[in-house]
Amino acid sequence: MYGLKTEACFDSAHFLTDYYGKCENLHGHRWRAVVYLEQEELQTEGTVRDMVLDFGVFKREVRALAESLDHTFLVEEGSLGDDTIACLERDGFSLTILPFRTTAENLARHFGELLIEKGLPVAQVDMYETPNNCAIWRR
């Protein structure tokens, strides 16, 4: 088995719906996504011969995904009223509406699934919401 690992960080705000504690309030994190690729065999042709994947391609895809979430307000679809969304957008806030509760676990899965759609052989994503706490999603 062969593998690669890279990581990227992004800053964003969120809150947890139907949660009773500090995280029900709007707050932010410096999220750190650590992505692992795995393949049984190395590539056999072209410029990626004897590689899992070109590190440049891997880093570019992970960093682009992180950049798309950087300095946005991650909002669970349906968790805010339409009028609230409209006011935030009117006042220039960057919102990312997601079809799931914005937990570290779900963000790890989301990262992994989007990278798999791009053809990367993702094996695992660790999503850190603090330096000491992360959620892990494995394929």
Protein backbone atom coordinates (compact mmCIF):
# COMPACT_ATOMS: atom_id res chain seq x y z
CA MET A 1 0.00 0.00 0.00
CA TYR A 2 1.24 3.49 -0.86
CA GLY A 3 0.04 6.78 0.52
CA LEU A 4 0.37 10.54 0.50
CA LYS A 5 -0.63 13.14 3.05
CA THR A 6 -1.12 16.89 2.83
CA GLU A 7 -3.02 19.49 4.78
CA ALA A 8 -4.61 22.90 4.49
CA CYS A 9 -6.22 25.33 6.92
CA PHE A 10 -9.18 27.66 6.64
CA ASP A 11 -10.95 30.01 9.01
CA SER A 12 -14.72 30.01 9.17
CA ALA A 13 -17.62 30.55 11.53
CA HIS A 14 -20.48 28.21 12.33
CA PHE A 15 -22.93 27.21 15.01
CA LEU A 16 -24.60 23.91 15.85
CA THR A 17 -28.35 23.70 15.56
CA ASP A 18 -30.28 21.79 18.23
CA TYR A 19 -27.24 21.80 20.49
CA TYR A 20 -27.36 22.94 24.09
CA GLY A 21 -24.01 24.36 25.08
CA LYS A 22 -21.49 26.94 23.97
CA CYS A 23 -21.40 25.68 20.39
CA GLU A 24 -25.03 26.62 19.76
CA ASN A 25 -23.74 30.20 19.51
CA LEU A 26 -21.98 31.61 16.49
CA HIS A 27 -18.22 31.03 16.82
CA GLY A 28 -15.22 30.44 14.63
CA HIS A 29 -12.41 27.95 14.14
CA ARG A 30 -9.13 27.69 12.34
CA TRP A 31 -10.03 24.37 10.73
CA ARG A 32 -7.13 22.11 9.72
CA ALA A 33 -7.88 19.43 7.15
CA VAL A 34 -5.34 16.60 6.89
CA VAL A 35 -6.02 14.43 3.85
CA TYR A 36 -4.56 10.97 3.23
CA LEU A 37 -4.49 9.18 -0.13
CA GLU A 38 -3.92 5.44 -0.53
CA GLN A 39 -3.43 3.12 -3.48
CA GLU A 40 -2.39 -0.51 -3.76
CA GLU A 41 -0.04 0.18 -6.66
CA LEU A 42 1.88 3.14 -8.03
CA GLN A 43 0.97 4.68 -11.38
CA THR A 44 2.76 3.05 -14.30
CA GLU A 45 2.69 5.63 -17.11
CA GLY A 46 3.43 9.23 -17.96
CA THR A 47 4.71 11.93 -15.65
CA VAL A 48 3.08 10.25 -12.64
CA ARG A 49 4.92 6.96 -13.18
CA ASP A 50 5.99 5.50 -9.82
CA MET A 51 3.77 7.92 -7.90
CA VAL A 52 0.42 7.70 -6.12
CA LEU A 53 -0.38 11.15 -7.53
CA ASP A 54 1.62 14.25 -8.31
CA PHE A 55 2.02 16.18 -5.04
CA GLY A 56 1.36 19.42 -6.94
CA VAL A 57 -2.06 18.19 -8.06
CA PHE A 58 -2.86 16.81 -4.60
CA LYS A 59 -1.90 20.02 -2.78
CA ARG A 60 -3.70 22.20 -5.31
CA GLU A 61 -7.00 20.31 -4.94
CA VAL A 62 -6.90 20.25 -1.12
CA ARG A 63 -5.92 23.91 -0.87
CA ALA A 64 -8.57 24.99 -3.38
CA LEU A 65 -11.24 23.25 -1.33
CA ALA A 66 -9.97 24.89 1.87
CA GLU A 67 -9.86 28.26 0.13
CA SER A 68 -13.49 27.88 -0.95
CA LEU A 69 -14.50 27.70 2.74
CA ASP A 70 -12.04 30.29 4.05
CA HIS A 71 -13.60 33.28 5.82
CA THR A 72 -17.14 32.11 5.19
CA PHE A 73 -20.02 31.49 7.55
CA LEU A 74 -20.84 27.75 7.32
CA VAL A 75 -24.61 27.45 7.64
CA GLU A 76 -26.65 24.27 7.89
CA GLU A 77 -29.40 24.44 5.29
CA GLY A 78 -32.69 25.39 6.96
CA SER A 79 -31.10 26.47 10.24
CA LEU A 80 -31.61 30.20 9.64
CA GLY A 81 -34.68 31.99 8.39
CA ASP A 82 -34.78 33.24 4.83
CA ASP A 83 -34.93 36.82 6.11
CA THR A 84 -31.77 36.28 8.19
CA ILE A 85 -29.93 34.81 5.20
CA ALA A 86 -31.09 37.71 3.01
CA CYS A 87 -29.89 40.29 5.59
CA LEU A 88 -26.49 38.63 5.95
CA GLU A 89 -26.03 38.45 2.18
CA ARG A 90 -27.26 42.04 1.70
CA ASP A 91 -24.68 43.21 4.25
CA GLY A 92 -21.89 41.45 2.37
CA PHE A 93 -21.32 38.35 4.48
CA SER A 94 -19.93 35.30 2.70
CA LEU A 95 -22.17 32.31 3.40
CA THR A 96 -21.66 28.66 2.53
CA ILE A 97 -24.97 26.82 2.85
CA LEU A 98 -24.38 23.11 3.48
CA PRO A 99 -26.92 20.26 3.45
CA PHE A 100 -25.72 18.94 6.81
CA ARG A 101 -25.07 19.99 10.40
CA THR A 102 -21.69 21.74 10.39
CA THR A 103 -19.86 19.40 12.75
CA ALA A 104 -16.20 18.50 12.32
CA GLU A 105 -17.30 14.95 11.49
CA ASN A 106 -19.52 16.10 8.64
CA LEU A 107 -16.92 18.55 7.34
CA ALA A 108 -14.34 15.74 7.24
CA ARG A 109 -16.72 13.58 5.20
CA HIS A 110 -17.62 16.53 2.94
CA PHE A 111 -13.94 17.21 2.20
CA GLY A 112 -13.31 13.54 1.44
CA GLU A 113 -16.32 13.12 -0.82
CA LEU A 114 -15.56 16.26 -2.85
CA LEU A 115 -11.97 15.13 -3.38
CA ILE A 116 -13.10 11.63 -4.37
CA GLU A 117 -15.40 13.24 -6.97
CA LYS A 118 -12.25 14.84 -8.42
CA GLY A 119 -10.68 11.38 -8.78
CA LEU A 120 -8.37 11.41 -5.75
CA PRO A 121 -7.98 8.08 -3.94
CA VAL A 122 -8.89 9.50 -0.53
CA ALA A 123 -8.50 7.06 2.37
CA GLN A 124 -8.99 9.39 5.34
CA VAL A 125 -9.61 13.01 6.32
CA ASP A 126 -8.80 14.40 9.77
CA MET A 127 -10.66 17.65 10.44
CA TYR A 128 -9.21 19.60 13.36
CA GLU A 129 -11.39 22.27 14.93
CA THR A 130 -8.78 23.01 17.59
CA PRO A 131 -5.10 22.04 17.74
CA ASN A 132 -5.97 19.12 20.06
CA ASN A 133 -9.35 17.91 18.76
CA CYS A 134 -10.20 16.39 15.42
CA ALA A 135 -12.84 14.27 13.78
CA ILE A 136 -11.79 11.45 11.47
CA TRP A 137 -13.60 10.20 8.37
CA ARG A 138 -12.37 7.03 6.67
CA ARG A 139 -13.49 5.80 3.29
